[in-house]
Amino acid sequence: MADMTLKDGLQAMDIAEYLRKHPLFLKDFPELAMSLSMPREHGPASSLASYQVDVLRSKNRALETRLTELIEIAEDNEQLMVRVHSLTMGLLRSDSLIESIRSVVAGLIEDFDTDLVRVLLLRERGDLPEADWLLVESGGIQALPAFAEFLARVDPMVGRLAQDKLVRLFGEHASNVQSAALMRLGEYGMLAIGSLDGNRFHPGMGSIFLKLIAESVTASIRRFTRGD
């Protein structure tokens, strides 16, 4: 709107404000409403009514688009919740620590379509088998200086990890990991998911489902480590 000075110093913004406070003003002056020139992307509007209809239609389209997006997000979240529930049920059915860990790894790979999964436990290996998805560190947190800052926090870490972290977790596959999610398993260790897609995990994404997974896995490990 042009910044023009009207009669008696009245400003265009004053008129706009008056019309906002008196929305029925043009009802008393229909000839004025018909003479107003309404903005249109393609050609002039025939009347104020048609312009208002166009504005409402545009708003409705925007609302419909947003509603569709929200429905899609809700459906995706529902599917994720079902998968998290299935993973948790698998943990509850496990009869040993190694069975529990196998259940987690298999669930994340098969149901969550992940590329690489690693479980790092802070304990003696004992009777735990050798496997590329199972890492055991008997030296405790002190033996993992690269993860000291992460292990001092509660929330998952998502995005691109530093090379030293990738090498410790994924070994020879480290160079292929473009993004990752790292979850703390209480005092028992870490759960890491590596992706070949650089956009799979990023700092702006929600982490509620990662937290739920980490809590379930931590509780399962605790079942089989009491008294160790």
Protein backbone atom coordinates (compact mmCIF):
# COMPACT_ATOMS: atom_id res chain seq x y z
CA MET A 1 0.00 0.00 0.00
CA ALA A 2 1.36 3.40 -0.94
CA ASP A 3 2.27 5.66 1.96
CA MET A 4 0.09 8.60 0.91
CA THR A 5 -1.29 11.47 2.98
CA LEU A 6 -5.05 11.94 2.63
CA LYS A 7 -7.36 14.83 3.48
CA ASP A 8 -6.79 16.49 6.86
CA GLY A 9 -3.66 14.45 7.39
CA LEU A 10 -5.51 11.14 7.39
CA GLN A 11 -3.20 8.25 6.52
CA ALA A 12 -4.02 5.18 4.44
CA MET A 13 -3.20 3.00 7.44
CA ASP A 14 -5.83 4.91 9.45
CA ILE A 15 -8.48 3.98 6.92
CA ALA A 16 -7.37 0.34 6.96
CA GLU A 17 -7.56 0.28 10.74
CA TYR A 18 -11.02 1.88 10.69
CA LEU A 19 -12.29 -0.77 8.26
CA ARG A 20 -10.90 -3.53 10.46
CA LYS A 21 -12.86 -2.15 13.42
CA HIS A 22 -16.01 -1.64 11.31
CA PRO A 23 -16.27 -4.70 9.04
CA LEU A 24 -19.90 -3.80 8.11
CA PHE A 25 -18.95 -0.36 6.80
CA LEU A 26 -19.16 -1.35 3.12
CA LYS A 27 -22.60 -2.88 3.72
CA ASP A 28 -23.95 0.65 4.14
CA PHE A 29 -22.11 1.85 1.02
CA PRO A 30 -22.59 -0.90 -1.61
CA GLU A 31 -21.71 1.42 -4.48
CA LEU A 32 -18.32 2.01 -2.86
CA ALA A 33 -17.73 -1.71 -2.48
CA MET A 34 -18.50 -2.26 -6.16
CA SER A 35 -16.09 0.48 -7.23
CA LEU A 36 -13.13 -0.84 -5.26
CA SER A 37 -10.34 -2.44 -7.27
CA MET A 38 -9.35 -5.76 -5.72
CA PRO A 39 -5.92 -7.34 -6.29
CA ARG A 40 -5.85 -10.52 -8.38
CA GLU A 41 -2.97 -12.51 -9.80
CA HIS A 42 -4.79 -12.89 -13.11
CA GLY A 43 -7.04 -9.99 -14.09
CA PRO A 44 -9.29 -7.69 -12.00
CA ALA A 45 -11.91 -8.99 -9.59
CA SER A 46 -15.52 -8.21 -10.44
CA SER A 47 -16.49 -7.34 -6.89
CA LEU A 48 -15.49 -7.37 -3.26
CA ALA A 49 -17.57 -10.52 -2.74
CA SER A 50 -15.73 -12.44 -5.45
CA TYR A 51 -12.41 -11.30 -4.03
CA GLN A 52 -13.40 -12.50 -0.56
CA VAL A 53 -14.50 -15.85 -2.01
CA ASP A 54 -11.12 -16.19 -3.72
CA VAL A 55 -9.30 -15.41 -0.48
CA LEU A 56 -11.38 -17.96 1.43
CA ARG A 57 -10.76 -20.60 -1.23
CA SER A 58 -7.03 -19.94 -1.04
CA LYS A 59 -7.09 -20.27 2.75
CA ASN A 60 -9.12 -23.47 2.50
CA ARG A 61 -6.62 -24.97 0.09
CA ALA A 62 -3.78 -24.10 2.46
CA LEU A 63 -5.67 -25.63 5.39
CA GLU A 64 -6.46 -28.78 3.41
CA THR A 65 -2.79 -29.14 2.48
CA ARG A 66 -1.73 -28.71 6.10
CA LEU A 67 -4.39 -31.16 7.28
CA THR A 68 -3.16 -33.74 4.77
CA GLU A 69 0.41 -33.28 6.03
CA LEU A 70 -0.71 -33.70 9.66
CA ILE A 71 -2.63 -36.87 8.80
CA GLU A 72 0.43 -38.32 7.06
CA ILE A 73 2.60 -37.48 10.07
CA ALA A 74 0.05 -39.08 12.40
CA GLU A 75 -0.03 -42.24 10.27
CA ASP A 76 3.77 -42.43 10.22
CA ASN A 77 3.91 -41.97 13.99
CA GLU A 78 1.27 -44.65 14.47
CA GLN A 79 3.33 -47.10 12.43
CA LEU A 80 6.45 -46.22 14.40
CA MET A 81 4.62 -46.72 17.67
CA VAL A 82 3.48 -50.16 16.54
CA ARG A 83 7.09 -51.07 15.66
CA VAL A 84 8.39 -49.80 18.99
CA HIS A 85 5.71 -51.82 20.76
CA SER A 86 6.66 -54.93 18.79
CA LEU A 87 10.33 -54.43 19.68
CA THR A 88 9.44 -54.02 23.36
CA MET A 89 7.34 -57.18 23.32
CA GLY A 90 10.26 -59.06 21.80
CA LEU A 91 12.44 -57.87 24.66
CA LEU A 92 9.90 -59.04 27.24
CA ARG A 93 9.84 -62.50 25.69
CA SER A 94 13.64 -62.81 25.83
CA ASP A 95 15.05 -65.26 28.38
CA SER A 96 18.67 -64.11 28.42
CA LEU A 97 20.87 -61.08 27.83
CA ILE A 98 22.17 -62.28 24.48
CA GLU A 99 18.67 -63.21 23.30
CA SER A 100 17.50 -59.76 24.32
CA ILE A 101 20.27 -58.05 22.38
CA ARG A 102 19.69 -60.22 19.32
CA SER A 103 16.02 -59.30 19.45
CA VAL A 104 16.85 -55.58 19.45
CA VAL A 105 19.29 -55.82 16.56
CA ALA A 106 16.97 -57.97 14.45
CA GLY A 107 13.99 -55.71 15.16
CA LEU A 108 15.83 -52.53 14.23
CA ILE A 109 17.15 -54.02 10.99
CA GLU A 110 13.97 -55.76 9.86
CA ASP A 111 11.17 -53.52 11.15
CA PHE A 112 12.87 -50.12 11.11
CA ASP A 113 14.78 -50.65 7.85
CA THR A 114 18.15 -49.65 9.30
CA ASP A 115 21.53 -50.30 7.66
CA LEU A 116 23.84 -50.92 10.62
CA VAL A 117 23.16 -51.58 14.30
CA ARG A 118 25.69 -51.79 17.12
CA VAL A 119 25.20 -52.52 20.81
CA LEU A 120 28.15 -51.53 22.98
CA LEU A 121 28.08 -52.94 26.51
CA LEU A 122 30.24 -51.74 29.38
CA ARG A 123 31.03 -55.07 31.04
CA GLU A 124 33.15 -58.18 30.83
CA ARG A 125 32.38 -60.32 27.80
CA GLY A 126 31.75 -63.44 29.86
CA ASP A 127 29.71 -65.86 27.78
CA LEU A 128 28.62 -63.24 25.26
CA PRO A 129 29.44 -64.37 21.70
CA GLU A 130 31.64 -62.63 19.18
CA ALA A 131 29.51 -60.70 16.66
CA ASP A 132 30.02 -57.60 14.54
CA TRP A 133 26.86 -56.04 16.04
CA LEU A 134 27.99 -56.63 19.64
CA LEU A 135 30.82 -54.56 21.13
CA VAL A 136 32.04 -55.16 24.67
CA GLU A 137 34.22 -52.74 26.63
CA SER A 138 35.41 -54.07 29.98
CA GLY A 139 37.33 -50.88 30.78
CA GLY A 140 34.19 -48.88 31.45
CA ILE A 141 33.49 -45.30 30.41
CA GLN A 142 37.14 -44.37 30.97
CA ALA A 143 38.07 -46.54 28.00
CA LEU A 144 35.79 -44.50 25.72
CA PRO A 145 37.11 -40.92 25.88
CA ALA A 146 35.54 -40.07 22.50
CA PHE A 147 32.10 -40.70 24.03
CA ALA A 148 32.67 -39.05 27.42
CA GLU A 149 30.50 -36.02 26.61
CA PHE A 150 27.72 -38.15 25.15
CA LEU A 151 27.66 -40.58 28.08
CA ALA A 152 27.19 -37.63 30.43
CA ARG A 153 23.88 -36.76 28.77
CA VAL A 154 20.48 -38.44 28.58
CA ASP A 155 19.10 -37.47 25.19
CA PRO A 156 20.03 -39.37 22.01
CA MET A 157 22.58 -37.91 19.60
CA VAL A 158 21.53 -37.77 15.95
CA GLY A 159 23.26 -36.55 12.81
CA ARG A 160 26.82 -36.91 11.62
CA LEU A 161 29.26 -38.41 14.10
CA ALA A 162 32.95 -37.62 14.34
CA GLN A 163 35.24 -40.09 12.61
CA ASP A 164 36.72 -41.48 15.83
CA LYS A 165 33.23 -42.34 17.08
CA LEU A 166 32.29 -43.97 13.78
CA VAL A 167 35.42 -46.10 13.72
CA ARG A 168 34.91 -47.27 17.31
CA LEU A 169 31.30 -48.23 16.61
CA PHE A 170 31.25 -49.43 13.02
CA GLY A 171 34.85 -50.45 12.36
CA GLU A 172 35.51 -51.15 8.69
CA HIS A 173 32.05 -49.85 7.78
CA ALA A 174 32.68 -46.43 9.32
CA SER A 175 33.38 -44.72 5.99
CA ASN A 176 29.95 -45.80 4.70
CA VAL A 177 27.97 -44.28 7.57
CA GLN A 178 26.62 -40.89 6.51
CA SER A 179 24.35 -40.26 9.50
CA ALA A 180 23.70 -42.00 12.79
CA ALA A 181 21.61 -42.17 15.95
CA LEU A 182 23.34 -42.85 19.24
CA MET A 183 21.37 -43.78 22.37
CA ARG A 184 22.64 -44.21 25.90
CA LEU A 185 21.58 -47.42 27.63
CA GLY A 186 21.80 -46.12 31.17
CA GLU A 187 25.01 -47.29 32.85
CA TYR A 188 25.15 -50.36 30.62
CA GLY A 189 26.44 -48.88 27.38
CA MET A 190 25.18 -47.52 24.06
CA LEU A 191 22.96 -48.43 21.14
CA ALA A 192 24.02 -47.06 17.74
CA ILE A 193 22.21 -47.04 14.40
CA GLY A 194 24.19 -46.14 11.29
CA SER A 195 22.65 -45.13 7.98
CA LEU A 196 24.06 -44.89 4.47
CA ASP A 197 21.67 -41.98 3.92
CA GLY A 198 23.00 -38.63 5.11
CA ASN A 199 19.43 -37.38 5.68
CA ARG A 200 18.12 -40.35 7.67
CA PHE A 201 19.24 -38.87 10.99
CA HIS A 202 19.65 -35.14 11.55
CA PRO A 203 19.70 -32.78 14.57
CA GLY A 204 16.29 -31.29 13.75
CA MET A 205 14.40 -34.57 13.90
CA GLY A 206 12.29 -35.68 16.83
CA SER A 207 13.86 -38.19 19.19
CA ILE A 208 10.91 -39.43 21.27
CA PHE A 209 10.86 -42.85 19.60
CA LEU A 210 14.62 -43.22 20.02
CA LYS A 211 14.19 -42.45 23.72
CA LEU A 212 11.45 -45.06 24.04
CA ILE A 213 13.62 -47.67 22.35
CA ALA A 214 16.59 -46.85 24.56
CA GLU A 215 14.47 -47.07 27.73
CA SER A 216 13.06 -50.47 26.71
CA VAL A 217 16.50 -51.87 25.88
CA THR A 218 17.98 -50.50 29.09
CA ALA A 219 15.22 -52.10 31.16
CA SER A 220 15.76 -55.42 29.39
CA ILE A 221 19.51 -55.38 30.00
CA ARG A 222 18.90 -54.55 33.65
CA ARG A 223 16.82 -57.73 34.02
CA PHE A 224 19.83 -59.89 33.22
CA THR A 225 22.63 -57.93 34.87
CA ARG A 226 21.41 -57.61 38.45
CA GLY A 227 23.95 -59.09 40.76
CA ASP A 228 26.68 -59.27 38.06
